[in-house]
């Protein structure tokens, strides 16, 4: 049952973490901050920003559909989908995925995952009228679509009369961080989505991150949650394992077209992965590991 989300925080920050800022778009960290039970305040704020809900049309509540139990294997698996699933009070389903690397055919991939969420929302024998609206939100960090817009939305529309929508059940969003960083006019005072993307971008200046958090209570809650989570050594270890898995995948994709190096690359990646895991188990941070490996390569 959906109930209005109260704007409460377990701890209140007046200033943001001044030291190391982890990447909010590491998909493991994103899931922990935005997609676990108890994260309704920040998730609701983000959804209102993406969906453009304001005033009387603003979403008042959201229900997070699952708490995922993540093993070390699933965190380290490059193919794991660490998405956030939620339901709005009108029954609409929302699926949020962070994808920082281009695996190819991303348009088909997004439509496939939209279809999975859509079809599993009805049981055998139920009337089609019970099929819900499904909204896919993809936060990506690679070039995609021939447009300068950092936020694109797709629906089922008539080709010649674009105002004519066949049905509201399909809605797919792409939020492109590459295009966002190139965007000329940032209006954090009036655009909630601009504030969120400023916070999500690990390259944003600390003073700007602090400013948007102070302007937006939901972002402040998200920031407090991230600081709380990453004060735990085990959570930091899980974050770094996920970073390492994504680094492995980026390296694999970078050289995948060079057939002559595939076998050697796979062997080298496995050896390097084992070395990094060993150093992580000894308590080294990813920054320290990168420094050691760089020095060893010289």
C-alpha atoms as a PDB file:
ATOM      1  CA  UNK A   1       0.000   0.000   0.000  1.00  0.00           C
ATOM      2  CA  UNK A   2       1.334   3.419  -0.932  1.00  0.00           C
ATOM      3  CA  UNK A   3       1.327   6.090   1.748  1.00  0.00           C
ATOM      4  CA  UNK A   4       2.684   9.635   1.497  1.00  0.00           C
ATOM      5  CA  UNK A   5       6.408   9.735   2.123  1.00  0.00           C
ATOM      6  CA  UNK A   6       7.308  11.974   5.074  1.00  0.00           C
ATOM      7  CA  UNK A   7      10.343  14.193   4.654  1.00  0.00           C
ATOM      8  CA  UNK A   8      12.404  12.847   7.513  1.00  0.00           C
ATOM      9  CA  UNK A   9      16.095  12.060   7.763  1.00  0.00           C
ATOM     10  CA  UNK A  10      17.911   9.813  10.203  1.00  0.00           C
ATOM     11  CA  UNK A  11      20.763  12.269  10.311  1.00  0.00           C
ATOM     12  CA  UNK A  12      20.949  15.799   8.989  1.00  0.00           C
ATOM     13  CA  UNK A  13      23.945  17.224   7.150  1.00  0.00           C
ATOM     14  CA  UNK A  14      24.716  20.887   6.902  1.00  0.00           C
ATOM     15  CA  UNK A  15      27.872  20.187   4.923  1.00  0.00           C
ATOM     16  CA  UNK A  16      28.772  17.374   2.585  1.00  0.00           C
ATOM     17  CA  UNK A  17      31.571  14.852   2.973  1.00  0.00           C
ATOM     18  CA  UNK A  18      34.714  16.932   2.297  1.00  0.00           C
ATOM     19  CA  UNK A  19      37.045  14.015   1.541  1.00  0.00           C
ATOM     20  CA  UNK A  20      36.781  11.293  -1.065  1.00  0.00           C
ATOM     21  CA  UNK A  21      33.477  11.344  -2.951  1.00  0.00           C
ATOM     22  CA  UNK A  22      32.508   7.977  -4.344  1.00  0.00           C
ATOM     23  CA  UNK A  23      30.725   7.649  -7.668  1.00  0.00           C
ATOM     24  CA  UNK A  24      26.942   7.822  -7.069  1.00  0.00           C
ATOM     25  CA  UNK A  25      26.472   6.086 -10.446  1.00  0.00           C
ATOM     26  CA  UNK A  26      28.360   2.982  -9.468  1.00  0.00           C
ATOM     27  CA  UNK A  27      25.290   0.760  -9.926  1.00  0.00           C
ATOM     28  CA  UNK A  28      25.843  -1.071  -6.633  1.00  0.00           C
ATOM     29  CA  UNK A  29      25.992   2.214  -4.724  1.00  0.00           C
ATOM     30  CA  UNK A  30      23.047   3.609  -6.692  1.00  0.00           C
ATOM     31  CA  UNK A  31      20.963   0.589  -5.689  1.00  0.00           C
ATOM     32  CA  UNK A  32      21.958   0.923  -2.031  1.00  0.00           C
ATOM     33  CA  UNK A  33      21.186   4.659  -1.943  1.00  0.00           C
ATOM     34  CA  UNK A  34      18.093   4.810  -4.158  1.00  0.00           C
ATOM     35  CA  UNK A  35      16.564   1.331  -4.334  1.00  0.00           C
ATOM     36  CA  UNK A  36      16.398  -0.262  -0.901  1.00  0.00           C
ATOM     37  CA  UNK A  37      13.427  -0.148   1.438  1.00  0.00           C
ATOM     38  CA  UNK A  38      13.738   3.086   3.374  1.00  0.00           C
ATOM     39  CA  UNK A  39      14.986   5.018   0.323  1.00  0.00           C
ATOM     40  CA  UNK A  40      11.544   6.293  -0.664  1.00  0.00           C
ATOM     41  CA  UNK A  41      12.267   9.975  -0.019  1.00  0.00           C
ATOM     42  CA  UNK A  42      15.195  10.253  -2.404  1.00  0.00           C
ATOM     43  CA  UNK A  43      13.657   7.925  -4.996  1.00  0.00           C
ATOM     44  CA  UNK A  44      10.446   9.945  -4.978  1.00  0.00           C
ATOM     45  CA  UNK A  45      12.368  13.196  -5.453  1.00  0.00           C
ATOM     46  CA  UNK A  46      14.303  11.748  -8.382  1.00  0.00           C
ATOM     47  CA  UNK A  47      11.173  10.321 -10.063  1.00  0.00           C
ATOM     48  CA  UNK A  48       9.345  13.636  -9.783  1.00  0.00           C
ATOM     49  CA  UNK A  49      12.357  15.323 -11.406  1.00  0.00           C
ATOM     50  CA  UNK A  50      12.606  12.813 -14.287  1.00  0.00           C
ATOM     51  CA  UNK A  51       8.873  12.617 -14.952  1.00  0.00           C
ATOM     52  CA  UNK A  52       8.411  16.377 -14.680  1.00  0.00           C
ATOM     53  CA  UNK A  53       5.830  16.105 -11.926  1.00  0.00           C
ATOM     54  CA  UNK A  54       5.267  19.433 -10.192  1.00  0.00           C
ATOM     55  CA  UNK A  55       2.585  21.157  -8.126  1.00  0.00           C
ATOM     56  CA  UNK A  56      -0.661  19.219  -7.764  1.00  0.00           C
ATOM     57  CA  UNK A  57       0.633  16.631 -10.236  1.00  0.00           C
ATOM     58  CA  UNK A  58       3.611  15.766  -8.032  1.00  0.00           C
ATOM     59  CA  UNK A  59       3.974  12.149  -6.930  1.00  0.00           C
ATOM     60  CA  UNK A  60       3.264  11.888  -3.212  1.00  0.00           C
ATOM     61  CA  UNK A  61       4.406   8.310  -2.645  1.00  0.00           C
ATOM     62  CA  UNK A  62       6.268   5.384  -4.101  1.00  0.00           C
ATOM     63  CA  UNK A  63       6.661   1.740  -3.128  1.00  0.00           C
ATOM     64  CA  UNK A  64      10.012   0.022  -3.588  1.00  0.00           C
ATOM     65  CA  UNK A  65       9.225  -3.464  -4.838  1.00  0.00           C
ATOM     66  CA  UNK A  66      12.210  -5.461  -3.640  1.00  0.00           C
ATOM     67  CA  UNK A  67      15.242  -5.503  -1.430  1.00  0.00           C
ATOM     68  CA  UNK A  68      17.916  -7.355  -3.358  1.00  0.00           C
ATOM     69  CA  UNK A  69      20.286  -9.578  -1.411  1.00  0.00           C
ATOM     70  CA  UNK A  70      23.621  -9.256  -3.173  1.00  0.00           C
ATOM     71  CA  UNK A  71      26.384 -11.819  -2.804  1.00  0.00           C
ATOM     72  CA  UNK A  72      30.056 -11.145  -3.530  1.00  0.00           C
ATOM     73  CA  UNK A  73      29.625 -13.173  -6.721  1.00  0.00           C
ATOM     74  CA  UNK A  74      26.718 -11.070  -7.982  1.00  0.00           C
ATOM     75  CA  UNK A  75      28.522  -7.816  -7.143  1.00  0.00           C
ATOM     76  CA  UNK A  76      31.619  -8.927  -9.007  1.00  0.00           C
ATOM     77  CA  UNK A  77      29.729 -10.355 -11.976  1.00  0.00           C
ATOM     78  CA  UNK A  78      29.942  -7.942 -14.901  1.00  0.00           C
ATOM     79  CA  UNK A  79      26.594  -9.107 -16.309  1.00  0.00           C
ATOM     80  CA  UNK A  80      24.620  -8.491 -13.105  1.00  0.00           C
ATOM     81  CA  UNK A  81      21.676  -6.122 -13.491  1.00  0.00           C
ATOM     82  CA  UNK A  82      21.500  -4.048 -10.320  1.00  0.00           C
ATOM     83  CA  UNK A  83      18.316  -2.191 -11.196  1.00  0.00           C
ATOM     84  CA  UNK A  84      15.839  -0.354  -8.981  1.00  0.00           C
ATOM     85  CA  UNK A  85      12.206  -1.451  -9.200  1.00  0.00           C
ATOM     86  CA  UNK A  86       9.320   0.546  -7.783  1.00  0.00           C
ATOM     87  CA  UNK A  87       5.562   1.042  -8.104  1.00  0.00           C
ATOM     88  CA  UNK A  88       3.610   4.277  -8.113  1.00  0.00           C
ATOM     89  CA  UNK A  89       0.246   4.572  -6.377  1.00  0.00           C
ATOM     90  CA  UNK A  90      -1.612   4.437  -9.695  1.00  0.00           C
ATOM     91  CA  UNK A  91      -0.075   1.003 -10.284  1.00  0.00           C
ATOM     92  CA  UNK A  92       2.542   2.137 -12.801  1.00  0.00           C
ATOM     93  CA  UNK A  93       5.797   0.186 -12.565  1.00  0.00           C
ATOM     94  CA  UNK A  94       9.164   1.932 -12.732  1.00  0.00           C
ATOM     95  CA  UNK A  95      12.471   0.281 -13.531  1.00  0.00           C
ATOM     96  CA  UNK A  96      15.699   2.300 -13.211  1.00  0.00           C
ATOM     97  CA  UNK A  97      18.987   1.002 -14.587  1.00  0.00           C
ATOM     98  CA  UNK A  98      22.409   2.616 -14.522  1.00  0.00           C
ATOM     99  CA  UNK A  99      24.616   1.588 -17.439  1.00  0.00           C
ATOM    100  CA  UNK A 100      28.066   3.167 -17.685  1.00  0.00           C
ATOM    101  CA  UNK A 101      29.386   1.113 -20.608  1.00  0.00           C
ATOM    102  CA  UNK A 102      28.032   0.544 -24.098  1.00  0.00           C
ATOM    103  CA  UNK A 103      27.272  -3.140 -24.605  1.00  0.00           C
ATOM    104  CA  UNK A 104      25.757  -2.518 -28.027  1.00  0.00           C
ATOM    105  CA  UNK A 105      22.102  -2.741 -29.097  1.00  0.00           C
ATOM    106  CA  UNK A 106      21.126  -0.681 -26.085  1.00  0.00           C
ATOM    107  CA  UNK A 107      17.821   0.316 -27.672  1.00  0.00           C
ATOM    108  CA  UNK A 108      16.796  -3.342 -28.016  1.00  0.00           C
ATOM    109  CA  UNK A 109      18.136  -4.159 -24.564  1.00  0.00           C
ATOM    110  CA  UNK A 110      16.032  -1.422 -22.953  1.00  0.00           C
ATOM    111  CA  UNK A 111      12.904  -2.519 -24.820  1.00  0.00           C
ATOM    112  CA  UNK A 112      13.543  -6.130 -23.775  1.00  0.00           C
ATOM    113  CA  UNK A 113      13.752  -5.227 -20.090  1.00  0.00           C
ATOM    114  CA  UNK A 114      10.674  -3.040 -20.430  1.00  0.00           C
ATOM    115  CA  UNK A 115       8.846  -6.077 -21.887  1.00  0.00           C
ATOM    116  CA  UNK A 116       9.978  -8.342 -19.037  1.00  0.00           C
ATOM    117  CA  UNK A 117       8.642  -5.920 -16.438  1.00  0.00           C
ATOM    118  CA  UNK A 118       5.421  -5.473 -18.396  1.00  0.00           C
ATOM    119  CA  UNK A 119       4.605  -9.153 -18.875  1.00  0.00           C
ATOM    120  CA  UNK A 120       5.442 -10.263 -15.343  1.00  0.00           C
ATOM    121  CA  UNK A 121       2.986  -7.710 -13.964  1.00  0.00           C
ATOM    122  CA  UNK A 122      -0.022  -9.859 -14.893  1.00  0.00           C
ATOM    123  CA  UNK A 123      -0.845 -13.438 -13.990  1.00  0.00           C
ATOM    124  CA  UNK A 124      -2.265 -16.076 -16.316  1.00  0.00           C
ATOM    125  CA  UNK A 125      -5.999 -15.604 -16.850  1.00  0.00           C
ATOM    126  CA  UNK A 126      -6.095 -11.944 -15.791  1.00  0.00           C
ATOM    127  CA  UNK A 127      -7.768  -9.422 -18.058  1.00  0.00           C
ATOM    128  CA  UNK A 128      -5.464  -7.251 -20.177  1.00  0.00           C
ATOM    129  CA  UNK A 129      -6.987  -4.200 -18.524  1.00  0.00           C
ATOM    130  CA  UNK A 130      -4.830  -4.967 -15.493  1.00  0.00           C
ATOM    131  CA  UNK A 131      -1.587  -4.591 -17.423  1.00  0.00           C
ATOM    132  CA  UNK A 132       0.164  -1.557 -15.940  1.00  0.00           C
ATOM    133  CA  UNK A 133       2.054   1.343 -17.398  1.00  0.00           C
ATOM    134  CA  UNK A 134       5.765   0.521 -17.281  1.00  0.00           C
ATOM    135  CA  UNK A 135       8.349   3.301 -17.203  1.00  0.00           C
ATOM    136  CA  UNK A 136      11.977   2.461 -17.931  1.00  0.00           C
ATOM    137  CA  UNK A 137      14.577   5.019 -16.861  1.00  0.00           C
ATOM    138  CA  UNK A 138      18.086   4.399 -18.205  1.00  0.00           C
ATOM    139  CA  UNK A 139      20.956   6.480 -16.829  1.00  0.00           C
ATOM    140  CA  UNK A 140      23.844   6.010 -19.259  1.00  0.00           C
ATOM    141  CA  UNK A 141      27.385   7.350 -19.594  1.00  0.00           C
ATOM    142  CA  UNK A 142      28.269   6.789 -23.243  1.00  0.00           C
ATOM    143  CA  UNK A 143      27.326   8.272 -26.596  1.00  0.00           C
ATOM    144  CA  UNK A 144      23.871   7.112 -27.647  1.00  0.00           C
ATOM    145  CA  UNK A 145      21.251   8.560 -30.024  1.00  0.00           C
ATOM    146  CA  UNK A 146      21.906  11.343 -32.514  1.00  0.00           C
ATOM    147  CA  UNK A 147      20.694  14.234 -30.431  1.00  0.00           C
ATOM    148  CA  UNK A 148      22.181  16.900 -28.171  1.00  0.00           C
ATOM    149  CA  UNK A 149      19.419  16.392 -25.598  1.00  0.00           C
ATOM    150  CA  UNK A 150      20.622  14.735 -22.408  1.00  0.00           C
ATOM    151  CA  UNK A 151      17.082  13.557 -21.541  1.00  0.00           C
ATOM    152  CA  UNK A 152      15.038  11.795 -24.219  1.00  0.00           C
ATOM    153  CA  UNK A 153      11.642  10.123 -23.800  1.00  0.00           C
ATOM    154  CA  UNK A 154      10.034   7.564 -26.099  1.00  0.00           C
ATOM    155  CA  UNK A 155       6.365   6.547 -26.297  1.00  0.00           C
ATOM    156  CA  UNK A 156       4.128   4.790 -28.842  1.00  0.00           C
ATOM    157  CA  UNK A 157       3.031   7.631 -31.132  1.00  0.00           C
ATOM    158  CA  UNK A 158       1.417   7.878 -34.575  1.00  0.00           C
ATOM    159  CA  UNK A 159       4.064   8.614 -37.205  1.00  0.00           C
ATOM    160  CA  UNK A 160       2.436  11.636 -38.871  1.00  0.00           C
ATOM    161  CA  UNK A 161       0.494  12.964 -35.897  1.00  0.00           C
ATOM    162  CA  UNK A 162       2.943  12.837 -33.028  1.00  0.00           C
ATOM    163  CA  UNK A 163       0.364  14.176 -30.590  1.00  0.00           C
ATOM    164  CA  UNK A 164      -1.624  10.949 -31.108  1.00  0.00           C
ATOM    165  CA  UNK A 165      -0.416   8.377 -28.583  1.00  0.00           C
ATOM    166  CA  UNK A 166      -1.550   4.787 -29.036  1.00  0.00           C
ATOM    167  CA  UNK A 167      -1.284   3.935 -25.346  1.00  0.00           C
ATOM    168  CA  UNK A 168       0.341   5.295 -22.210  1.00  0.00           C
ATOM    169  CA  UNK A 169       1.664   1.905 -21.115  1.00  0.00           C
ATOM    170  CA  UNK A 170       5.139   2.346 -22.644  1.00  0.00           C
ATOM    171  CA  UNK A 171       7.508   5.097 -21.576  1.00  0.00           C
ATOM    172  CA  UNK A 172      11.286   4.784 -21.923  1.00  0.00           C
ATOM    173  CA  UNK A 173      13.678   7.479 -20.716  1.00  0.00           C
ATOM    174  CA  UNK A 174      17.371   7.862 -21.503  1.00  0.00           C
ATOM    175  CA  UNK A 175      19.375  10.200 -19.301  1.00  0.00           C
ATOM    176  CA  UNK A 176      22.776  10.631 -20.905  1.00  0.00           C
ATOM    177  CA  UNK A 177      25.570  11.859 -18.623  1.00  0.00           C
ATOM    178  CA  UNK A 178      27.952  12.444 -21.558  1.00  0.00           C
ATOM    179  CA  UNK A 179      25.484  14.863 -23.125  1.00  0.00           C
ATOM    180  CA  UNK A 180      24.673  16.345 -19.708  1.00  0.00           C
ATOM    181  CA  UNK A 181      28.318  17.330 -19.192  1.00  0.00           C
ATOM    182  CA  UNK A 182      28.253  19.120 -22.565  1.00  0.00           C
ATOM    183  CA  UNK A 183      24.991  20.899 -21.798  1.00  0.00           C
ATOM    184  CA  UNK A 184      25.432  24.649 -21.879  1.00  0.00           C
ATOM    185  CA  UNK A 185      22.872  26.134 -19.515  1.00  0.00           C
ATOM    186  CA  UNK A 186      22.482  24.511 -16.115  1.00  0.00           C
ATOM    187  CA  UNK A 187      19.580  25.876 -14.071  1.00  0.00           C
ATOM    188  CA  UNK A 188      19.773  24.304 -10.625  1.00  0.00           C
ATOM    189  CA  UNK A 189      17.461  26.967  -9.201  1.00  0.00           C
ATOM    190  CA  UNK A 190      14.451  25.987 -11.323  1.00  0.00           C
ATOM    191  CA  UNK A 191      15.167  22.532 -12.748  1.00  0.00           C
ATOM    192  CA  UNK A 192      15.059  19.628 -10.247  1.00  0.00           C
ATOM    193  CA  UNK A 193      16.578  17.203 -12.773  1.00  0.00           C
ATOM    194  CA  UNK A 194      19.559  19.540 -13.221  1.00  0.00           C
ATOM    195  CA  UNK A 195      20.130  19.371  -9.470  1.00  0.00           C
ATOM    196  CA  UNK A 196      19.997  15.565  -9.458  1.00  0.00           C
ATOM    197  CA  UNK A 197      22.377  15.185 -12.401  1.00  0.00           C
ATOM    198  CA  UNK A 198      24.779  17.605 -10.769  1.00  0.00           C
ATOM    199  CA  UNK A 199      24.757  15.381  -7.696  1.00  0.00           C
ATOM    200  CA  UNK A 200      25.098  12.169  -9.727  1.00  0.00           C
ATOM    201  CA  UNK A 201      28.087  13.497 -11.690  1.00  0.00           C
ATOM    202  CA  UNK A 202      31.201  12.632  -9.705  1.00  0.00           C
ATOM    203  CA  UNK A 203      33.060  15.371 -11.655  1.00  0.00           C
ATOM    204  CA  UNK A 204      30.871  18.151 -10.248  1.00  0.00           C
ATOM    205  CA  UNK A 205      32.825  20.623  -8.072  1.00  0.00           C
ATOM    206  CA  UNK A 206      32.315  19.895  -4.338  1.00  0.00           C
ATOM    207  CA  UNK A 207      30.914  23.357  -3.684  1.00  0.00           C
ATOM    208  CA  UNK A 208      28.278  22.878  -6.426  1.00  0.00           C
ATOM    209  CA  UNK A 209      27.347  19.446  -5.062  1.00  0.00           C
ATOM    210  CA  UNK A 210      26.923  20.984  -1.625  1.00  0.00           C
ATOM    211  CA  UNK A 211      24.788  23.776  -3.061  1.00  0.00           C
ATOM    212  CA  UNK A 212      22.319  21.479  -4.847  1.00  0.00           C
ATOM    213  CA  UNK A 213      22.004  19.278  -1.766  1.00  0.00           C
ATOM    214  CA  UNK A 214      21.164  22.279   0.394  1.00  0.00           C
ATOM    215  CA  UNK A 215      18.584  23.371  -2.188  1.00  0.00           C
ATOM    216  CA  UNK A 216      16.862  19.982  -2.437  1.00  0.00           C
ATOM    217  CA  UNK A 217      15.900  17.987   0.652  1.00  0.00           C
ATOM    218  CA  UNK A 218      15.625  14.703  -1.253  1.00  0.00           C
ATOM    219  CA  UNK A 219      19.183  15.109  -2.576  1.00  0.00           C
ATOM    220  CA  UNK A 220      20.428  15.875   0.915  1.00  0.00           C
ATOM    221  CA  UNK A 221      18.778  12.665   2.129  1.00  0.00           C
ATOM    222  CA  UNK A 222      20.454  10.737  -0.700  1.00  0.00           C
ATOM    223  CA  UNK A 223      23.804  12.260   0.184  1.00  0.00           C
ATOM    224  CA  UNK A 224      23.368  11.434   3.874  1.00  0.00           C
ATOM    225  CA  UNK A 225      22.458   7.886   2.917  1.00  0.00           C
ATOM    226  CA  UNK A 226      25.553   7.551   0.725  1.00  0.00           C
ATOM    227  CA  UNK A 227      27.835   8.830   3.485  1.00  0.00           C
ATOM    228  CA  UNK A 228      26.195   6.471   5.976  1.00  0.00           C
ATOM    229  CA  UNK A 229      26.559   3.440   3.699  1.00  0.00           C
ATOM    230  CA  UNK A 230      30.149   4.149   2.748  1.00  0.00           C
ATOM    231  CA  UNK A 231      31.219   4.568   6.370  1.00  0.00           C
ATOM    232  CA  UNK A 232      31.009   0.750   6.522  1.00  0.00           C
ATOM    233  CA  UNK A 233      34.202  -1.030   5.435  1.00  0.00           C
ATOM    234  CA  UNK A 234      32.273  -3.959   3.964  1.00  0.00           C
ATOM    235  CA  UNK A 235      30.185  -1.624   1.838  1.00  0.00           C
ATOM    236  CA  UNK A 236      33.340   0.124   0.606  1.00  0.00           C
ATOM    237  CA  UNK A 237      34.764  -3.263  -0.309  1.00  0.00           C
ATOM    238  CA  UNK A 238      31.583  -4.152  -2.237  1.00  0.00           C
ATOM    239  CA  UNK A 239      31.683  -0.786  -4.015  1.00  0.00           C
ATOM    240  CA  UNK A 240      35.299  -1.337  -5.044  1.00  0.00           C
ATOM    241  CA  UNK A 241      34.566  -4.881  -6.225  1.00  0.00           C
ATOM    242  CA  UNK A 242      31.852  -3.463  -8.446  1.00  0.00           C
ATOM    243  CA  UNK A 243      34.193  -0.762  -9.753  1.00  0.00           C
ATOM    244  CA  UNK A 244      36.735  -3.451 -10.569  1.00  0.00           C
ATOM    245  CA  UNK A 245      34.139  -5.548 -12.420  1.00  0.00           C
ATOM    246  CA  UNK A 246      33.160  -2.545 -14.517  1.00  0.00           C
ATOM    247  CA  UNK A 247      36.824  -1.757 -15.240  1.00  0.00           C
ATOM    248  CA  UNK A 248      37.300  -5.356 -16.412  1.00  0.00           C
ATOM    249  CA  UNK A 249      34.331  -5.076 -18.724  1.00  0.00           C
ATOM    250  CA  UNK A 250      35.486  -1.765 -20.185  1.00  0.00           C
ATOM    251  CA  UNK A 251      38.892  -3.290 -20.903  1.00  0.00           C
ATOM    252  CA  UNK A 252      37.294  -6.332 -22.532  1.00  0.00           C
ATOM    253  CA  UNK A 253      35.103  -4.180 -24.764  1.00  0.00           C
ATOM    254  CA  UNK A 254      37.995  -1.919 -25.707  1.00  0.00           C
ATOM    255  CA  UNK A 255      39.959  -4.792 -27.197  1.00  0.00           C
ATOM    256  CA  UNK A 256      37.121  -7.072 -28.299  1.00  0.00           C
ATOM    257  CA  UNK A 257      37.522  -6.203 -31.987  1.00  0.00           C
ATOM    258  CA  UNK A 258      41.174  -7.250 -32.007  1.00  0.00           C
ATOM    259  CA  UNK A 259      40.812 -11.007 -32.582  1.00  0.00           C
ATOM    260  CA  UNK A 260      44.518 -11.688 -32.239  1.00  0.00           C
ATOM    261  CA  UNK A 261      44.589 -10.356 -28.667  1.00  0.00           C
ATOM    262  CA  UNK A 262      41.376 -11.833 -27.315  1.00  0.00           C
ATOM    263  CA  UNK A 263      42.885 -14.941 -25.765  1.00  0.00           C
ATOM    264  CA  UNK A 264      45.826 -13.102 -24.230  1.00  0.00           C
ATOM    265  CA  UNK A 265      43.528 -10.345 -22.999  1.00  0.00           C
ATOM    266  CA  UNK A 266      41.221 -12.794 -21.239  1.00  0.00           C
ATOM    267  CA  UNK A 267      44.196 -14.460 -19.557  1.00  0.00           C
ATOM    268  CA  UNK A 268      45.679 -11.115 -18.559  1.00  0.00           C
ATOM    269  CA  UNK A 269      42.380  -9.836 -17.200  1.00  0.00           C
ATOM    270  CA  UNK A 270      41.912 -12.969 -15.111  1.00  0.00           C
ATOM    271  CA  UNK A 271      45.426 -12.716 -13.704  1.00  0.00           C
ATOM    272  CA  UNK A 272      44.995  -9.016 -13.001  1.00  0.00           C
ATOM    273  CA  UNK A 273      41.613  -9.648 -11.416  1.00  0.00           C
ATOM    274  CA  UNK A 274      43.109 -12.241  -9.072  1.00  0.00           C
ATOM    275  CA  UNK A 275      45.870  -9.830  -8.110  1.00  0.00           C
ATOM    276  CA  UNK A 276      43.412  -7.025  -7.406  1.00  0.00           C
ATOM    277  CA  UNK A 277      41.164  -9.316  -5.348  1.00  0.00           C
ATOM    278  CA  UNK A 278      44.164 -10.402  -3.306  1.00  0.00           C
ATOM    279  CA  UNK A 279      45.132  -6.789  -2.608  1.00  0.00           C
ATOM    280  CA  UNK A 280      41.518  -5.938  -1.707  1.00  0.00           C
ATOM    281  CA  UNK A 281      41.468  -8.825   0.757  1.00  0.00           C
ATOM    282  CA  UNK A 282      44.598  -7.328   2.361  1.00  0.00           C
ATOM    283  CA  UNK A 283      42.747  -4.081   2.981  1.00  0.00           C
ATOM    284  CA  UNK A 284      44.121  -1.905   0.169  1.00  0.00           C
ATOM    285  CA  UNK A 285      41.757   0.653  -1.391  1.00  0.00           C
ATOM    286  CA  UNK A 286      41.200   0.802  -5.167  1.00  0.00           C
ATOM    287  CA  UNK A 287      43.261   4.012  -5.327  1.00  0.00           C
ATOM    288  CA  UNK A 288      46.198   2.323  -3.573  1.00  0.00           C
ATOM    289  CA  UNK A 289      45.873  -0.729  -5.845  1.00  0.00           C
ATOM    290  CA  UNK A 290      45.869   1.407  -8.995  1.00  0.00           C
ATOM    291  CA  UNK A 291      49.036   3.174  -7.776  1.00  0.00           C
ATOM    292  CA  UNK A 292      50.805  -0.137  -7.028  1.00  0.00           C
ATOM    293  CA  UNK A 293      49.883  -1.644 -10.396  1.00  0.00           C
ATOM    294  CA  UNK A 294      50.977   1.522 -12.248  1.00  0.00           C
ATOM    295  CA  UNK A 295      54.340   1.510 -10.487  1.00  0.00           C
ATOM    296  CA  UNK A 296      54.791  -2.218 -11.184  1.00  0.00           C
ATOM    297  CA  UNK A 297      54.144  -1.671 -14.908  1.00  0.00           C
ATOM    298  CA  UNK A 298      56.922   0.923 -15.236  1.00  0.00           C
END
